[in-house]
Each structure stands twice: as structure tokens, then as C-alpha cells.
Amino acid sequence: MRAALRTAAVLALAVPLGASALPASAATPSHVRDRGAFAETYLSGEGTPGGLPGNYSLGQLTFYGSLVEGVVETFNCEEGQTPYAEEGACQSAGYYNAFTEGVTVVAGKGKKSSTTFSGRLDLYDDESEADGPAATDVPFSITLTPAGRPSRSRFTESFRDPASGDSYRFRSTTVVSIARVHGELDGIDATEGLVGRYSFHGIERVS
């Protein structure tokens, strides 16, 4: 689970939220730009948020200002066991998507200052067709403090249709630092984290 979450996180940071703003069609050329700050934390511990099925949880939350999205997986584990530590010791009890736009952000001054994200989020069953969330108003409070040297990465993608001449190109840059974390999602402890900034520029040309 943690390896899967890390892979998803790397892909999410490579193409931040602004990437979804690329228009399907537009005048020639069309530009989209976005930049901002983000933070991410991993969660692990006994119990489940919002009273979901199971007795152990793993999760990941990503914060973009007042918005948070992420995933939580719950498990039924044998006593003293944790997910993926021993084959057969834990069985998945559910997989949920987390979301809210009502995050309270309290940031200190300076590059190494702490930032606290708090509020309540909803959890949606990833395999259910039900309209409503599986758990609502689940409380969280996470504090992250930069602790490592920043690492910069760049990502570029482009495509051109040889028949029509239509094309797009976008590039993103992220600067990330490992962070110390403190806090929880309804009793599930935050264990690791990172903070950073991103910038994004996309161009679409339609003939």
C-alpha cells in the first residue's frame, strides 16, 4: 500500500492540479499557467477514520491551499500485525477517496516555519456506486515542518497529430522538501510528509 501511495504521489506532483485545466479545444495557441504550494502526508495506525470497517488504516493526503484530496485503505488485521508485514495477516476492508475544500491553513513566517492544515473531510467508497460518502465530517489536523534540503524536478510532455497538425505541450517544475509531521486523521497518525511548490505551463495549438 505504501509503495502504491508513493507512486501515485510522485505522478500527482509531476502533473499538478493545473494540468486538468488544459482545454479540449481552443483558439491557436491557448496557454494555461498555474503555480502554488502543496503539502503531503502519509498516515498509518490502528483503527479507522469515521468508523469505517476494519481495525487498521493506511492513507495519504495532499493539500493544495484550502483543498485536500487523498486515499485511505482500511484492513482487518490479526492481533499485533500490520498491513503488508506478513502475507495473510491483514485483509483489505475498503478503499476510500478523501476530499474537502474547507481546509483551514495556519502558516508561520520563514522558509523553515511550520504549517498546520485542519478541518473535516468526507470519505467516498472507491468501489461503491452510492451517491453519498461512506463517512462524513471526519476530523483532521496535520502540522508539517520542512526538515530537508529542497529537491527540484522537471517534467515535460508533448504531442503532435501529423494529420491535423494539432499539438499540445506542457511542462511542470516541483521543488520538494522532506518534512517532519505531527497530527492525525481521526486517530490515525501522520507518519511522514513533504512540502513544496510547483509551477505549470501548458500550450495547445488547434488548427
N, C-alpha and C. Protein backbone atom coordinates (compact mmCIF):
# COMPACT_ATOMS: atom_id res chain seq x y z
N MET A 1 0.83 -1.21 0.00
CA MET A 1 0.00 0.00 0.00
C MET A 1 0.86 1.25 0.00
N ARG A 2 1.87 1.29 0.88
CA ARG A 2 2.68 2.50 0.95
C ARG A 2 3.43 2.72 -0.34
N ALA A 3 3.95 1.65 -0.95
CA ALA A 3 4.64 1.80 -2.22
C ALA A 3 3.69 2.33 -3.28
N ALA A 4 2.46 1.84 -3.29
CA ALA A 4 1.48 2.31 -4.27
C ALA A 4 1.16 3.77 -4.04
N LEU A 5 1.02 4.16 -2.79
CA LEU A 5 0.73 5.55 -2.48
C LEU A 5 1.86 6.46 -2.91
N ARG A 6 3.11 6.03 -2.66
CA ARG A 6 4.25 6.84 -3.06
C ARG A 6 4.28 7.02 -4.57
N THR A 7 4.00 5.94 -5.32
CA THR A 7 3.99 6.04 -6.77
C THR A 7 2.93 7.02 -7.24
N ALA A 8 1.74 6.93 -6.65
CA ALA A 8 0.67 7.85 -7.01
C ALA A 8 1.04 9.28 -6.67
N ALA A 9 1.73 9.46 -5.55
CA ALA A 9 2.12 10.81 -5.14
C ALA A 9 3.11 11.42 -6.10
N VAL A 10 4.10 10.61 -6.56
CA VAL A 10 5.10 11.12 -7.49
C VAL A 10 4.43 11.56 -8.79
N LEU A 11 3.49 10.76 -9.29
CA LEU A 11 2.80 11.12 -10.51
C LEU A 11 1.96 12.38 -10.32
N ALA A 12 1.32 12.50 -9.15
CA ALA A 12 0.50 13.68 -8.88
C ALA A 12 1.33 14.94 -8.84
N LEU A 13 2.53 14.84 -8.28
CA LEU A 13 3.39 16.02 -8.19
C LEU A 13 3.99 16.36 -9.55
N ALA A 14 4.23 15.35 -10.36
CA ALA A 14 4.78 15.61 -11.69
C ALA A 14 3.81 16.41 -12.54
N VAL A 15 2.50 16.16 -12.39
CA VAL A 15 1.48 16.90 -13.13
C VAL A 15 0.48 17.44 -12.13
N PRO A 16 0.70 18.64 -11.58
CA PRO A 16 -0.16 19.17 -10.54
C PRO A 16 -1.57 19.48 -11.03
N LEU A 17 -2.41 19.98 -10.12
CA LEU A 17 -3.81 20.17 -10.42
C LEU A 17 -4.04 21.03 -11.64
N GLY A 18 -3.16 21.96 -11.93
CA GLY A 18 -3.34 22.84 -13.06
C GLY A 18 -3.39 22.11 -14.38
N ALA A 19 -2.83 20.89 -14.44
CA ALA A 19 -2.81 20.15 -15.68
C ALA A 19 -4.22 19.86 -16.17
N SER A 20 -5.17 19.68 -15.26
CA SER A 20 -6.53 19.37 -15.66
C SER A 20 -7.22 20.54 -16.32
N ALA A 21 -6.59 21.73 -16.26
CA ALA A 21 -7.20 22.92 -16.83
C ALA A 21 -6.97 23.04 -18.33
N LEU A 22 -6.18 22.13 -18.95
CA LEU A 22 -5.95 22.21 -20.38
C LEU A 22 -7.27 22.07 -21.14
N PRO A 23 -7.63 23.02 -22.00
CA PRO A 23 -8.90 22.93 -22.72
C PRO A 23 -8.86 21.87 -23.80
N ALA A 24 -10.03 21.30 -24.11
CA ALA A 24 -10.10 20.29 -25.15
C ALA A 24 -9.90 20.91 -26.53
N SER A 25 -10.37 22.12 -26.72
CA SER A 25 -10.16 22.83 -27.97
C SER A 25 -10.15 24.31 -27.68
N ALA A 26 -9.40 25.05 -28.46
CA ALA A 26 -9.30 26.49 -28.20
C ALA A 26 -8.70 27.15 -29.42
N ALA A 27 -8.65 28.50 -29.40
CA ALA A 27 -8.00 29.24 -30.46
C ALA A 27 -6.53 28.91 -30.47
N THR A 28 -5.81 29.28 -31.52
CA THR A 28 -4.41 28.93 -31.68
C THR A 28 -3.51 30.10 -31.31
N PRO A 29 -2.54 29.92 -30.43
CA PRO A 29 -2.43 28.85 -29.44
C PRO A 29 -3.15 29.24 -28.16
N SER A 30 -3.38 28.28 -27.27
CA SER A 30 -4.01 28.53 -25.97
C SER A 30 -3.02 28.19 -24.87
N HIS A 31 -2.85 29.12 -23.91
CA HIS A 31 -1.89 28.93 -22.82
C HIS A 31 -2.61 28.72 -21.49
N VAL A 32 -2.08 27.84 -20.66
CA VAL A 32 -2.56 27.64 -19.29
C VAL A 32 -1.36 27.70 -18.36
N ARG A 33 -1.45 28.52 -17.34
CA ARG A 33 -0.36 28.63 -16.36
C ARG A 33 -0.92 28.47 -14.96
N ASP A 34 -0.14 27.86 -14.09
CA ASP A 34 -0.54 27.69 -12.69
C ASP A 34 0.72 27.56 -11.84
N ARG A 35 0.64 28.04 -10.61
CA ARG A 35 1.74 27.85 -9.66
C ARG A 35 1.17 27.94 -8.25
N GLY A 36 1.86 27.32 -7.31
CA GLY A 36 1.38 27.37 -5.94
C GLY A 36 2.15 26.44 -5.03
N ALA A 37 1.66 26.30 -3.80
CA ALA A 37 2.31 25.46 -2.78
C ALA A 37 1.46 24.22 -2.53
N PHE A 38 2.10 23.17 -2.06
CA PHE A 38 1.39 21.95 -1.69
C PHE A 38 2.10 21.29 -0.52
N ALA A 39 1.41 20.37 0.12
CA ALA A 39 2.00 19.57 1.18
C ALA A 39 1.37 18.18 1.12
N GLU A 40 2.09 17.19 1.60
CA GLU A 40 1.60 15.82 1.53
C GLU A 40 2.01 15.07 2.79
N THR A 41 1.12 14.20 3.26
CA THR A 41 1.44 13.41 4.43
C THR A 41 0.94 11.98 4.26
N TYR A 42 1.65 11.04 4.88
CA TYR A 42 1.25 9.64 4.90
C TYR A 42 0.73 9.30 6.29
N LEU A 43 -0.25 8.40 6.35
CA LEU A 43 -0.94 8.05 7.58
C LEU A 43 -0.86 6.54 7.82
N SER A 44 -0.76 6.15 9.08
CA SER A 44 -0.70 4.73 9.41
C SER A 44 -1.05 4.53 10.87
N GLY A 45 -1.89 3.52 11.16
CA GLY A 45 -2.17 3.25 12.56
C GLY A 45 -3.38 2.35 12.77
N GLU A 46 -3.54 1.90 14.01
CA GLU A 46 -4.68 1.08 14.38
C GLU A 46 -5.95 1.91 14.38
N GLY A 47 -7.06 1.25 14.06
CA GLY A 47 -8.34 1.92 13.99
C GLY A 47 -8.66 2.36 12.57
N THR A 48 -9.80 3.00 12.40
CA THR A 48 -10.22 3.51 11.10
C THR A 48 -10.85 4.88 11.27
N PRO A 49 -10.68 5.78 10.31
CA PRO A 49 -11.31 7.10 10.40
C PRO A 49 -12.81 7.02 10.09
N GLY A 50 -13.58 7.80 10.83
CA GLY A 50 -15.01 7.86 10.57
C GLY A 50 -15.78 6.59 10.83
N GLY A 51 -15.19 5.66 11.61
CA GLY A 51 -15.88 4.41 11.92
C GLY A 51 -16.03 3.47 10.74
N LEU A 52 -15.12 3.56 9.77
CA LEU A 52 -15.17 2.67 8.61
C LEU A 52 -14.84 1.23 9.02
N PRO A 53 -15.22 0.24 8.22
CA PRO A 53 -14.91 -1.16 8.54
C PRO A 53 -13.41 -1.39 8.65
N GLY A 54 -13.02 -2.32 9.53
CA GLY A 54 -11.62 -2.69 9.69
C GLY A 54 -11.07 -2.30 11.04
N ASN A 55 -9.78 -2.61 11.26
CA ASN A 55 -9.13 -2.26 12.52
C ASN A 55 -7.73 -1.65 12.33
N TYR A 56 -7.36 -1.37 11.07
CA TYR A 56 -6.07 -0.73 10.79
C TYR A 56 -6.22 0.08 9.50
N SER A 57 -5.47 1.21 9.42
CA SER A 57 -5.60 2.08 8.25
C SER A 57 -4.25 2.55 7.74
N LEU A 58 -4.15 2.70 6.43
CA LEU A 58 -3.05 3.39 5.76
C LEU A 58 -3.67 4.46 4.86
N GLY A 59 -2.96 5.59 4.71
CA GLY A 59 -3.53 6.64 3.88
C GLY A 59 -2.52 7.66 3.44
N GLN A 60 -2.98 8.58 2.61
CA GLN A 60 -2.17 9.67 2.09
C GLN A 60 -3.09 10.84 1.80
N LEU A 61 -2.69 12.03 2.24
CA LEU A 61 -3.44 13.26 1.99
C LEU A 61 -2.53 14.28 1.33
N THR A 62 -3.04 14.97 0.31
CA THR A 62 -2.30 16.04 -0.34
C THR A 62 -3.09 17.33 -0.22
N PHE A 63 -2.41 18.40 0.22
CA PHE A 63 -3.04 19.69 0.46
C PHE A 63 -2.61 20.69 -0.60
N TYR A 64 -3.59 21.35 -1.23
CA TYR A 64 -3.36 22.47 -2.13
C TYR A 64 -4.15 23.65 -1.58
N GLY A 65 -3.52 24.43 -0.72
CA GLY A 65 -4.24 25.53 -0.09
C GLY A 65 -5.41 25.03 0.74
N SER A 66 -6.62 25.49 0.42
CA SER A 66 -7.79 25.10 1.20
C SER A 66 -8.44 23.81 0.70
N LEU A 67 -7.80 23.14 -0.24
CA LEU A 67 -8.33 21.88 -0.78
C LEU A 67 -7.44 20.72 -0.33
N VAL A 68 -8.06 19.59 0.01
CA VAL A 68 -7.31 18.37 0.31
C VAL A 68 -7.96 17.21 -0.42
N GLU A 69 -7.12 16.33 -0.98
CA GLU A 69 -7.61 15.10 -1.58
C GLU A 69 -6.63 13.99 -1.23
N GLY A 70 -7.10 12.76 -1.28
CA GLY A 70 -6.22 11.66 -0.93
C GLY A 70 -6.94 10.34 -0.94
N VAL A 71 -6.32 9.34 -0.33
CA VAL A 71 -6.88 8.00 -0.27
C VAL A 71 -6.64 7.40 1.11
N VAL A 72 -7.54 6.51 1.51
CA VAL A 72 -7.41 5.75 2.75
C VAL A 72 -7.80 4.31 2.46
N GLU A 73 -6.97 3.36 2.87
CA GLU A 73 -7.33 1.95 2.78
C GLU A 73 -7.40 1.38 4.18
N THR A 74 -8.46 0.65 4.48
CA THR A 74 -8.63 0.03 5.79
C THR A 74 -8.46 -1.48 5.67
N PHE A 75 -8.09 -2.10 6.80
CA PHE A 75 -7.76 -3.53 6.82
C PHE A 75 -8.35 -4.19 8.06
N ASN A 76 -8.58 -5.48 7.95
CA ASN A 76 -8.81 -6.34 9.10
C ASN A 76 -7.52 -7.12 9.34
N CYS A 77 -6.82 -6.79 10.43
CA CYS A 77 -5.52 -7.40 10.72
C CYS A 77 -5.60 -8.31 11.95
N GLU A 78 -4.82 -9.36 11.92
CA GLU A 78 -4.68 -10.20 13.10
C GLU A 78 -3.96 -9.41 14.19
N GLU A 79 -4.18 -9.77 15.43
CA GLU A 79 -3.60 -9.03 16.56
C GLU A 79 -2.09 -8.94 16.44
N GLY A 80 -1.57 -7.72 16.56
CA GLY A 80 -0.14 -7.48 16.51
C GLY A 80 0.44 -7.38 15.12
N GLN A 81 -0.39 -7.51 14.08
CA GLN A 81 0.11 -7.47 12.71
C GLN A 81 -0.25 -6.14 12.04
N THR A 82 0.50 -5.80 11.01
CA THR A 82 0.24 -4.60 10.23
C THR A 82 0.18 -4.97 8.75
N PRO A 83 -0.50 -4.15 7.93
CA PRO A 83 -0.64 -4.48 6.51
C PRO A 83 0.71 -4.64 5.81
N TYR A 84 0.80 -5.67 4.97
CA TYR A 84 1.96 -5.97 4.14
C TYR A 84 3.19 -6.42 4.93
N ALA A 85 3.07 -6.54 6.25
CA ALA A 85 4.21 -7.01 7.04
C ALA A 85 4.33 -8.53 6.96
N GLU A 86 3.20 -9.22 6.82
CA GLU A 86 3.22 -10.68 6.75
C GLU A 86 2.06 -11.12 5.88
N GLU A 87 2.31 -11.99 4.93
CA GLU A 87 1.28 -12.41 3.99
C GLU A 87 0.13 -13.09 4.72
N GLY A 88 -1.08 -12.64 4.44
CA GLY A 88 -2.27 -13.25 5.03
C GLY A 88 -2.65 -12.71 6.39
N ALA A 89 -1.81 -11.85 7.00
CA ALA A 89 -2.10 -11.36 8.34
C ALA A 89 -3.18 -10.28 8.32
N CYS A 90 -3.32 -9.56 7.20
CA CYS A 90 -4.31 -8.49 7.08
C CYS A 90 -5.06 -8.64 5.76
N GLN A 91 -6.35 -8.38 5.81
CA GLN A 91 -7.19 -8.41 4.62
C GLN A 91 -7.80 -7.03 4.41
N SER A 92 -7.78 -6.56 3.16
CA SER A 92 -8.34 -5.24 2.87
C SER A 92 -9.82 -5.21 3.22
N ALA A 93 -10.24 -4.14 3.90
CA ALA A 93 -11.64 -3.98 4.30
C ALA A 93 -12.33 -2.87 3.51
N GLY A 94 -11.56 -2.07 2.77
CA GLY A 94 -12.17 -1.00 1.99
C GLY A 94 -11.14 -0.01 1.49
N TYR A 95 -11.46 0.66 0.40
CA TYR A 95 -10.57 1.65 -0.21
C TYR A 95 -11.41 2.90 -0.47
N TYR A 96 -10.94 4.06 0.03
CA TYR A 96 -11.77 5.25 0.04
C TYR A 96 -11.00 6.46 -0.49
N ASN A 97 -11.72 7.33 -1.20
CA ASN A 97 -11.17 8.59 -1.67
C ASN A 97 -11.57 9.70 -0.70
N ALA A 98 -10.59 10.54 -0.33
CA ALA A 98 -10.81 11.62 0.63
C ALA A 98 -10.86 12.95 -0.10
N PHE A 99 -11.77 13.85 0.36
CA PHE A 99 -11.87 15.16 -0.29
C PHE A 99 -12.57 16.17 0.61
N THR A 100 -12.10 17.42 0.56
CA THR A 100 -12.83 18.56 1.09
C THR A 100 -12.18 19.83 0.56
N GLU A 101 -12.98 20.88 0.49
CA GLU A 101 -12.47 22.20 0.10
C GLU A 101 -12.47 23.16 1.29
N GLY A 102 -12.73 22.65 2.48
CA GLY A 102 -12.85 23.52 3.64
C GLY A 102 -11.69 23.44 4.60
N VAL A 103 -10.46 23.45 4.09
CA VAL A 103 -9.28 23.32 4.95
C VAL A 103 -8.88 24.68 5.54
N THR A 104 -8.61 24.68 6.83
CA THR A 104 -8.05 25.87 7.49
C THR A 104 -6.53 25.75 7.48
N VAL A 105 -5.85 26.78 6.97
CA VAL A 105 -4.40 26.75 6.85
C VAL A 105 -3.80 27.84 7.73
N VAL A 106 -2.92 27.44 8.65
CA VAL A 106 -2.21 28.38 9.52
C VAL A 106 -0.72 28.22 9.26
N ALA A 107 -0.12 29.22 8.63
CA ALA A 107 1.29 29.13 8.22
C ALA A 107 2.13 30.14 8.99
N GLY A 108 3.31 29.69 9.43
CA GLY A 108 4.25 30.59 10.08
C GLY A 108 5.04 31.37 9.04
N LYS A 109 5.92 32.23 9.51
CA LYS A 109 6.74 33.04 8.62
C LYS A 109 8.12 32.40 8.48
N GLY A 110 8.69 32.49 7.28
CA GLY A 110 10.03 31.94 7.05
C GLY A 110 9.97 30.60 6.34
N LYS A 111 11.09 30.26 5.65
CA LYS A 111 11.15 29.06 4.84
C LYS A 111 11.06 27.78 5.66
N LYS A 112 11.50 27.79 6.90
CA LYS A 112 11.52 26.59 7.72
C LYS A 112 10.40 26.58 8.76
N SER A 113 9.41 27.44 8.61
CA SER A 113 8.33 27.51 9.59
C SER A 113 7.30 26.41 9.34
N SER A 114 6.54 26.09 10.37
CA SER A 114 5.53 25.04 10.29
C SER A 114 4.24 25.56 9.67
N THR A 115 3.51 24.65 9.04
CA THR A 115 2.18 24.94 8.52
C THR A 115 1.22 23.88 9.02
N THR A 116 0.07 24.32 9.53
CA THR A 116 -0.94 23.39 10.04
C THR A 116 -2.17 23.43 9.15
N PHE A 117 -2.62 22.24 8.74
CA PHE A 117 -3.83 22.07 7.95
C PHE A 117 -4.86 21.35 8.82
N SER A 118 -6.04 21.90 8.95
CA SER A 118 -7.05 21.27 9.78
C SER A 118 -8.44 21.46 9.19
N GLY A 119 -9.35 20.62 9.61
CA GLY A 119 -10.72 20.71 9.13
C GLY A 119 -11.41 19.36 9.22
N ARG A 120 -12.40 19.18 8.36
CA ARG A 120 -13.16 17.92 8.30
C ARG A 120 -13.33 17.53 6.83
N LEU A 121 -13.16 16.24 6.54
CA LEU A 121 -13.27 15.77 5.17
C LEU A 121 -14.27 14.62 5.07
N ASP A 122 -14.64 14.30 3.85
CA ASP A 122 -15.53 13.18 3.56
C ASP A 122 -14.74 12.07 2.88
N LEU A 123 -15.15 10.83 3.13
CA LEU A 123 -14.51 9.66 2.54
C LEU A 123 -15.54 8.91 1.70
N TYR A 124 -15.16 8.65 0.43
CA TYR A 124 -16.06 8.00 -0.52
C TYR A 124 -15.53 6.62 -0.88
N ASP A 125 -16.40 5.62 -0.82
CA ASP A 125 -16.04 4.25 -1.16
C ASP A 125 -15.68 4.18 -2.64
N ASP A 126 -14.46 3.75 -2.93
CA ASP A 126 -13.98 3.73 -4.31
C ASP A 126 -14.71 2.69 -5.16
N GLU A 127 -15.30 1.68 -4.54
CA GLU A 127 -15.95 0.60 -5.29
C GLU A 127 -17.47 0.67 -5.21
N SER A 128 -18.01 1.67 -4.55
CA SER A 128 -19.46 1.78 -4.39
C SER A 128 -20.03 2.76 -5.38
N GLU A 129 -21.23 2.47 -5.86
CA GLU A 129 -21.93 3.37 -6.76
C GLU A 129 -22.87 4.31 -6.00
N ALA A 130 -22.86 4.23 -4.70
CA ALA A 130 -23.73 5.10 -3.89
C ALA A 130 -23.33 6.55 -4.08
N ASP A 131 -24.33 7.44 -4.07
CA ASP A 131 -24.07 8.85 -4.30
C ASP A 131 -23.37 9.52 -3.11
N GLY A 132 -23.72 9.12 -1.91
CA GLY A 132 -23.20 9.79 -0.72
C GLY A 132 -21.89 9.21 -0.24
N PRO A 133 -21.19 9.94 0.65
CA PRO A 133 -19.93 9.45 1.22
C PRO A 133 -20.14 8.32 2.20
N ALA A 134 -19.09 7.51 2.38
CA ALA A 134 -19.14 6.43 3.37
C ALA A 134 -18.93 6.96 4.78
N ALA A 135 -18.24 8.09 4.91
CA ALA A 135 -18.02 8.75 6.21
C ALA A 135 -17.96 10.25 5.97
N THR A 136 -18.61 11.02 6.83
CA THR A 136 -18.66 12.47 6.66
C THR A 136 -18.06 13.19 7.86
N ASP A 137 -17.59 14.42 7.61
CA ASP A 137 -17.07 15.29 8.66
C ASP A 137 -16.00 14.59 9.52
N VAL A 138 -15.08 13.90 8.86
CA VAL A 138 -14.00 13.20 9.57
C VAL A 138 -12.93 14.23 9.92
N PRO A 139 -12.61 14.43 11.21
CA PRO A 139 -11.69 15.50 11.60
C PRO A 139 -10.23 15.16 11.31
N PHE A 140 -9.46 16.19 10.96
CA PHE A 140 -8.02 16.02 10.77
C PHE A 140 -7.30 17.30 11.19
N SER A 141 -6.07 17.14 11.62
CA SER A 141 -5.18 18.26 11.92
C SER A 141 -3.76 17.77 11.72
N ILE A 142 -3.07 18.34 10.73
CA ILE A 142 -1.73 17.91 10.35
C ILE A 142 -0.80 19.11 10.33
N THR A 143 0.33 19.01 11.04
CA THR A 143 1.35 20.07 11.03
C THR A 143 2.61 19.53 10.36
N LEU A 144 3.12 20.28 9.38
CA LEU A 144 4.33 19.90 8.65
C LEU A 144 5.37 20.99 8.79
N THR A 145 6.63 20.56 9.03
CA THR A 145 7.75 21.49 9.16
C THR A 145 8.88 21.04 8.25
N PRO A 146 9.30 21.86 7.28
CA PRO A 146 10.40 21.47 6.39
C PRO A 146 11.63 21.07 7.17
N ALA A 147 12.25 19.94 6.77
CA ALA A 147 13.39 19.45 7.53
C ALA A 147 14.56 19.04 6.65
N GLY A 148 14.38 18.99 5.35
CA GLY A 148 15.44 18.53 4.46
C GLY A 148 15.79 19.56 3.41
N ARG A 149 16.87 19.28 2.68
CA ARG A 149 17.30 20.16 1.60
C ARG A 149 16.33 20.02 0.43
N PRO A 150 15.89 21.14 -0.19
CA PRO A 150 14.94 21.07 -1.30
C PRO A 150 15.51 20.30 -2.49
N SER A 151 14.63 19.57 -3.16
CA SER A 151 14.99 18.83 -4.37
C SER A 151 14.10 19.29 -5.51
N ARG A 152 14.72 19.63 -6.64
CA ARG A 152 13.98 20.16 -7.79
C ARG A 152 13.84 19.09 -8.87
N SER A 153 12.64 19.01 -9.47
CA SER A 153 12.43 18.09 -10.59
C SER A 153 11.59 18.76 -11.66
N ARG A 154 11.80 18.33 -12.90
CA ARG A 154 11.05 18.89 -14.04
C ARG A 154 10.42 17.77 -14.85
N PHE A 155 9.25 18.07 -15.40
CA PHE A 155 8.53 17.08 -16.19
C PHE A 155 7.99 17.78 -17.45
N THR A 156 8.20 17.17 -18.62
CA THR A 156 7.74 17.75 -19.88
C THR A 156 7.06 16.68 -20.71
N GLU A 157 5.96 17.05 -21.37
CA GLU A 157 5.28 16.12 -22.27
C GLU A 157 4.76 16.90 -23.46
N SER A 158 4.81 16.31 -24.65
CA SER A 158 4.31 16.97 -25.84
C SER A 158 3.74 15.94 -26.81
N PHE A 159 2.85 16.41 -27.70
CA PHE A 159 2.24 15.53 -28.69
C PHE A 159 1.84 16.36 -29.89
N ARG A 160 1.99 15.80 -31.10
CA ARG A 160 1.54 16.45 -32.33
C ARG A 160 0.89 15.44 -33.24
N ASP A 161 -0.32 15.75 -33.69
CA ASP A 161 -1.04 14.88 -34.61
C ASP A 161 -0.55 15.19 -36.03
N PRO A 162 0.13 14.26 -36.69
CA PRO A 162 0.70 14.55 -38.02
C PRO A 162 -0.37 14.83 -39.08
N ALA A 163 -1.57 14.31 -38.88
CA ALA A 163 -2.63 14.50 -39.87
C ALA A 163 -3.23 15.91 -39.79
N SER A 164 -3.59 16.33 -38.58
CA SER A 164 -4.26 17.62 -38.41
C SER A 164 -3.31 18.76 -38.06
N GLY A 165 -2.15 18.42 -37.51
CA GLY A 165 -1.23 19.45 -37.05
C GLY A 165 -1.53 19.94 -35.65
N ASP A 166 -2.62 19.45 -35.04
CA ASP A 166 -2.95 19.82 -33.67
C ASP A 166 -1.86 19.31 -32.73
N SER A 167 -1.56 20.09 -31.70
CA SER A 167 -0.50 19.69 -30.77
C SER A 167 -0.73 20.28 -29.40
N TYR A 168 -0.07 19.69 -28.42
CA TYR A 168 -0.03 20.27 -27.09
C TYR A 168 1.36 20.02 -26.49
N ARG A 169 1.70 20.86 -25.56
CA ARG A 169 2.97 20.71 -24.84
C ARG A 169 2.78 21.31 -23.45
N PHE A 170 3.24 20.60 -22.42
CA PHE A 170 3.24 21.21 -21.09
C PHE A 170 4.48 20.81 -20.33
N ARG A 171 4.84 21.67 -19.41
CA ARG A 171 5.99 21.40 -18.56
C ARG A 171 5.66 21.84 -17.14
N SER A 172 6.19 21.11 -16.19
CA SER A 172 5.98 21.46 -14.78
C SER A 172 7.31 21.33 -14.03
N THR A 173 7.43 22.13 -13.01
CA THR A 173 8.60 22.09 -12.13
C THR A 173 8.12 22.00 -10.69
N THR A 174 8.70 21.11 -9.92
CA THR A 174 8.37 21.00 -8.50
C THR A 174 9.65 21.11 -7.67
N VAL A 175 9.52 21.76 -6.53
CA VAL A 175 10.61 21.86 -5.56
C VAL A 175 10.08 21.29 -4.25
N VAL A 176 10.68 20.20 -3.77
CA VAL A 176 10.13 19.44 -2.66
C VAL A 176 11.14 19.30 -1.54
N SER A 177 10.66 19.38 -0.29
CA SER A 177 11.49 19.13 0.89
C SER A 177 10.80 18.11 1.78
N ILE A 178 11.58 17.18 2.33
CA ILE A 178 11.06 16.29 3.36
C ILE A 178 10.63 17.12 4.57
N ALA A 179 9.55 16.71 5.23
CA ALA A 179 9.03 17.47 6.36
C ALA A 179 8.80 16.57 7.57
N ARG A 180 9.02 17.15 8.75
CA ARG A 180 8.58 16.49 9.98
C ARG A 180 7.07 16.70 10.09
N VAL A 181 6.38 15.68 10.58
CA VAL A 181 4.92 15.78 10.66
C VAL A 181 4.43 15.45 12.06
N HIS A 182 3.32 16.07 12.41
CA HIS A 182 2.64 15.79 13.67
C HIS A 182 1.16 15.98 13.44
N GLY A 183 0.36 15.04 13.90
CA GLY A 183 -1.09 15.18 13.76
C GLY A 183 -1.74 13.87 13.40
N GLU A 184 -3.03 13.95 13.02
CA GLU A 184 -3.79 12.73 12.79
C GLU A 184 -5.02 13.00 11.94
N LEU A 185 -5.54 11.93 11.37
CA LEU A 185 -6.84 11.90 10.72
C LEU A 185 -7.74 11.03 11.58
N ASP A 186 -8.53 11.65 12.44
CA ASP A 186 -9.46 10.93 13.31
C ASP A 186 -8.79 9.75 14.02
N GLY A 187 -7.63 10.01 14.62
CA GLY A 187 -6.92 9.00 15.40
C GLY A 187 -5.88 8.21 14.64
N ILE A 188 -5.81 8.35 13.31
CA ILE A 188 -4.79 7.67 12.51
C ILE A 188 -3.62 8.63 12.34
N ASP A 189 -2.45 8.25 12.88
CA ASP A 189 -1.31 9.17 12.97
C ASP A 189 -0.69 9.48 11.62
N ALA A 190 -0.26 10.74 11.47
CA ALA A 190 0.59 11.14 10.34
C ALA A 190 2.01 10.68 10.64
N THR A 191 2.65 10.00 9.70
CA THR A 191 3.96 9.39 9.96
C THR A 191 5.09 9.99 9.14
N GLU A 192 4.82 10.46 7.93
CA GLU A 192 5.83 11.04 7.06
C GLU A 192 5.19 12.18 6.27
N GLY A 193 6.03 13.07 5.73
CA GLY A 193 5.45 14.15 4.95
C GLY A 193 6.47 14.86 4.08
N LEU A 194 5.97 15.73 3.23
CA LEU A 194 6.80 16.60 2.41
C LEU A 194 6.04 17.88 2.12
N VAL A 195 6.78 18.93 1.80
CA VAL A 195 6.20 20.21 1.42
C VAL A 195 6.92 20.71 0.19
N GLY A 196 6.28 21.57 -0.59
CA GLY A 196 6.94 22.06 -1.78
C GLY A 196 6.12 23.09 -2.53
N ARG A 197 6.62 23.45 -3.70
CA ARG A 197 5.96 24.38 -4.59
C ARG A 197 6.01 23.81 -6.01
N TYR A 198 5.03 24.22 -6.84
CA TYR A 198 5.00 23.75 -8.22
C TYR A 198 4.69 24.91 -9.15
N SER A 199 5.11 24.78 -10.39
CA SER A 199 4.71 25.70 -11.46
C SER A 199 4.39 24.87 -12.69
N PHE A 200 3.45 25.37 -13.49
CA PHE A 200 2.95 24.61 -14.63
C PHE A 200 2.67 25.54 -15.79
N HIS A 201 3.03 25.11 -17.01
CA HIS A 201 2.73 25.89 -18.22
C HIS A 201 2.34 24.92 -19.32
N GLY A 202 1.16 25.10 -19.90
CA GLY A 202 0.69 24.26 -20.99
C GLY A 202 0.31 25.09 -22.21
N ILE A 203 0.56 24.55 -23.41
CA ILE A 203 0.22 25.21 -24.67
C ILE A 203 -0.52 24.20 -25.56
N GLU A 204 -1.66 24.62 -26.08
CA GLU A 204 -2.41 23.78 -27.03
C GLU A 204 -2.58 24.56 -28.33
N ARG A 205 -2.27 23.92 -29.44
CA ARG A 205 -2.44 24.54 -30.75
C ARG A 205 -3.44 23.69 -31.55
N VAL A 206 -4.51 24.32 -31.99
CA VAL A 206 -5.55 23.64 -32.75
C VAL A 206 -5.71 24.32 -34.10
N SER A 207 -5.62 23.55 -35.16
CA SER A 207 -5.70 24.11 -36.50
C SER A 207 -7.14 24.48 -36.88
